[in-house]
Amino acid sequence: MRAVITVVGKDTVGILAKVTGICAESNANVMDVTQTIMQDLFAMTMLIDISALKTDFGYFSDTLKSLGNDMNLQIHVMHEDIFNSMHKI
């Protein structure tokens, strides 16, 4: 099972470290990351493996959203099943 994490907001030191830290604590393996900084705007998309997740997916998602609130970022976590369903014709 996989999930997609998106992060958007003003660039600050430690965004990647804090997001991946929560992933590591939850046993979510980062499979792929793409990020860019456009002037002072940070944008990142991560693909993670959640098959060995130590917590409930909802709790994991809420933890990342809370981090986003604390850092003035928009962090969204979407389970692969929902992502795939949204992009079917």
C-alpha atoms as a PDB file:
ATOM      1  CA  MET A   1       0.000   0.000   0.000  1.00  0.00           C
ATOM      2  CA  ARG A   2       1.198   3.455  -0.834  1.00  0.00           C
ATOM      3  CA  ALA A   3       0.218   7.058  -0.211  1.00  0.00           C
ATOM      4  CA  VAL A   4       1.038  10.452  -1.680  1.00  0.00           C
ATOM      5  CA  ILE A   5       2.043  13.392   0.529  1.00  0.00           C
ATOM      6  CA  THR A   6       1.972  16.931  -0.837  1.00  0.00           C
ATOM      7  CA  VAL A   7       3.479  19.916   0.940  1.00  0.00           C
ATOM      8  CA  VAL A   8       3.130  23.538  -0.174  1.00  0.00           C
ATOM      9  CA  GLY A   9       4.027  26.748   1.607  1.00  0.00           C
ATOM     10  CA  LYS A  10       6.652  29.345   2.359  1.00  0.00           C
ATOM     11  CA  ASP A  11      10.125  27.828   2.284  1.00  0.00           C
ATOM     12  CA  THR A  12      11.742  27.387   5.691  1.00  0.00           C
ATOM     13  CA  VAL A  13      14.602  25.309   7.031  1.00  0.00           C
ATOM     14  CA  GLY A  14      13.696  21.752   8.047  1.00  0.00           C
ATOM     15  CA  ILE A  15      10.499  21.038   6.124  1.00  0.00           C
ATOM     16  CA  LEU A  16      11.815  17.865   4.502  1.00  0.00           C
ATOM     17  CA  ALA A  17      13.461  16.732   7.738  1.00  0.00           C
ATOM     18  CA  LYS A  18      10.295  17.159   9.802  1.00  0.00           C
ATOM     19  CA  VAL A  19       8.000  15.456   7.281  1.00  0.00           C
ATOM     20  CA  THR A  20      10.370  12.516   6.794  1.00  0.00           C
ATOM     21  CA  GLY A  21      10.875  12.339  10.566  1.00  0.00           C
ATOM     22  CA  ILE A  22       7.151  11.710  11.059  1.00  0.00           C
ATOM     23  CA  CYS A  23       7.276   9.139   8.264  1.00  0.00           C
ATOM     24  CA  ALA A  24      10.194   7.358   9.967  1.00  0.00           C
ATOM     25  CA  GLU A  25       8.491   7.385  13.379  1.00  0.00           C
ATOM     26  CA  SER A  26       5.407   5.835  11.792  1.00  0.00           C
ATOM     27  CA  ASN A  27       7.419   3.277   9.777  1.00  0.00           C
ATOM     28  CA  ALA A  28       6.324   4.797   6.456  1.00  0.00           C
ATOM     29  CA  ASN A  29       9.062   4.245   3.886  1.00  0.00           C
ATOM     30  CA  VAL A  30       9.798   7.123   1.514  1.00  0.00           C
ATOM     31  CA  MET A  31       9.959   5.696  -2.011  1.00  0.00           C
ATOM     32  CA  ASP A  32      10.258   8.856  -4.095  1.00  0.00           C
ATOM     33  CA  VAL A  33      10.487  12.596  -3.497  1.00  0.00           C
ATOM     34  CA  THR A  34      10.288  15.562  -5.792  1.00  0.00           C
ATOM     35  CA  GLN A  35      10.602  19.088  -4.516  1.00  0.00           C
ATOM     36  CA  THR A  36      11.171  22.554  -5.852  1.00  0.00           C
ATOM     37  CA  ILE A  37      11.530  26.054  -4.508  1.00  0.00           C
ATOM     38  CA  MET A  38      10.046  28.819  -6.628  1.00  0.00           C
ATOM     39  CA  GLN A  39      11.343  32.109  -5.217  1.00  0.00           C
ATOM     40  CA  ASP A  40      10.191  31.617  -1.590  1.00  0.00           C
ATOM     41  CA  LEU A  41       7.503  28.970  -2.226  1.00  0.00           C
ATOM     42  CA  PHE A  42       8.288  25.350  -1.311  1.00  0.00           C
ATOM     43  CA  ALA A  43       6.454  22.528  -3.118  1.00  0.00           C
ATOM     44  CA  MET A  44       7.042  18.815  -2.505  1.00  0.00           C
ATOM     45  CA  THR A  45       5.393  15.548  -3.479  1.00  0.00           C
ATOM     46  CA  MET A  46       6.363  12.267  -1.806  1.00  0.00           C
ATOM     47  CA  LEU A  47       5.371   8.695  -2.574  1.00  0.00           C
ATOM     48  CA  ILE A  48       5.507   6.537   0.554  1.00  0.00           C
ATOM     49  CA  ASP A  49       5.022   2.858   1.314  1.00  0.00           C
ATOM     50  CA  ILE A  50       2.539   2.506   4.178  1.00  0.00           C
ATOM     51  CA  SER A  51       2.242  -1.283   4.199  1.00  0.00           C
ATOM     52  CA  ALA A  52       4.137  -1.481   7.531  1.00  0.00           C
ATOM     53  CA  LEU A  53       2.619   1.667   9.076  1.00  0.00           C
ATOM     54  CA  LYS A  54       2.755   1.499  12.903  1.00  0.00           C
ATOM     55  CA  THR A  55      -0.258   3.754  13.391  1.00  0.00           C
ATOM     56  CA  ASP A  56      -3.732   4.130  11.965  1.00  0.00           C
ATOM     57  CA  PHE A  57      -3.636   5.898   8.575  1.00  0.00           C
ATOM     58  CA  GLY A  58      -6.014   8.587   9.844  1.00  0.00           C
ATOM     59  CA  TYR A  59      -3.744   9.331  12.811  1.00  0.00           C
ATOM     60  CA  PHE A  60      -0.705   9.463  10.516  1.00  0.00           C
ATOM     61  CA  SER A  61      -2.485  11.883   8.189  1.00  0.00           C
ATOM     62  CA  ASP A  62      -3.665  14.052  11.105  1.00  0.00           C
ATOM     63  CA  THR A  63      -0.122  14.189  12.513  1.00  0.00           C
ATOM     64  CA  LEU A  64       1.217  15.511   9.227  1.00  0.00           C
ATOM     65  CA  LYS A  65      -1.643  18.008   8.905  1.00  0.00           C
ATOM     66  CA  SER A  66      -0.879  19.217  12.428  1.00  0.00           C
ATOM     67  CA  LEU A  67       2.765  19.694  11.467  1.00  0.00           C
ATOM     68  CA  GLY A  68       1.566  21.722   8.499  1.00  0.00           C
ATOM     69  CA  ASN A  69      -0.524  23.929  10.759  1.00  0.00           C
ATOM     70  CA  ASP A  70       2.444  24.459  13.086  1.00  0.00           C
ATOM     71  CA  MET A  71       4.719  25.409  10.170  1.00  0.00           C
ATOM     72  CA  ASN A  72       2.126  27.385   8.147  1.00  0.00           C
ATOM     73  CA  LEU A  73       2.183  24.788   5.365  1.00  0.00           C
ATOM     74  CA  GLN A  74      -0.515  22.885   3.528  1.00  0.00           C
ATOM     75  CA  ILE A  75       0.223  19.170   4.022  1.00  0.00           C
ATOM     76  CA  HIS A  76      -2.130  16.646   2.472  1.00  0.00           C
ATOM     77  CA  VAL A  77      -1.891  12.848   2.619  1.00  0.00           C
ATOM     78  CA  MET A  78      -3.848  10.739   0.147  1.00  0.00           C
ATOM     79  CA  HIS A  79      -4.054   6.949   0.176  1.00  0.00           C
ATOM     80  CA  GLU A  80      -3.118   5.385  -3.158  1.00  0.00           C
ATOM     81  CA  ASP A  81      -6.586   3.826  -3.544  1.00  0.00           C
ATOM     82  CA  ILE A  82      -8.265   7.235  -3.388  1.00  0.00           C
ATOM     83  CA  PHE A  83      -5.642   8.765  -5.675  1.00  0.00           C
ATOM     84  CA  ASN A  84      -6.217   6.016  -8.258  1.00  0.00           C
ATOM     85  CA  SER A  85     -10.002   6.274  -7.984  1.00  0.00           C
ATOM     86  CA  MET A  86      -9.877  10.009  -8.603  1.00  0.00           C
ATOM     87  CA  HIS A  87      -7.864   9.532 -11.800  1.00  0.00           C
ATOM     88  CA  LYS A  88      -9.877   6.741 -13.423  1.00  0.00           C
ATOM     89  CA  ILE A  89     -11.924   7.602 -16.461  1.00  0.00           C
END
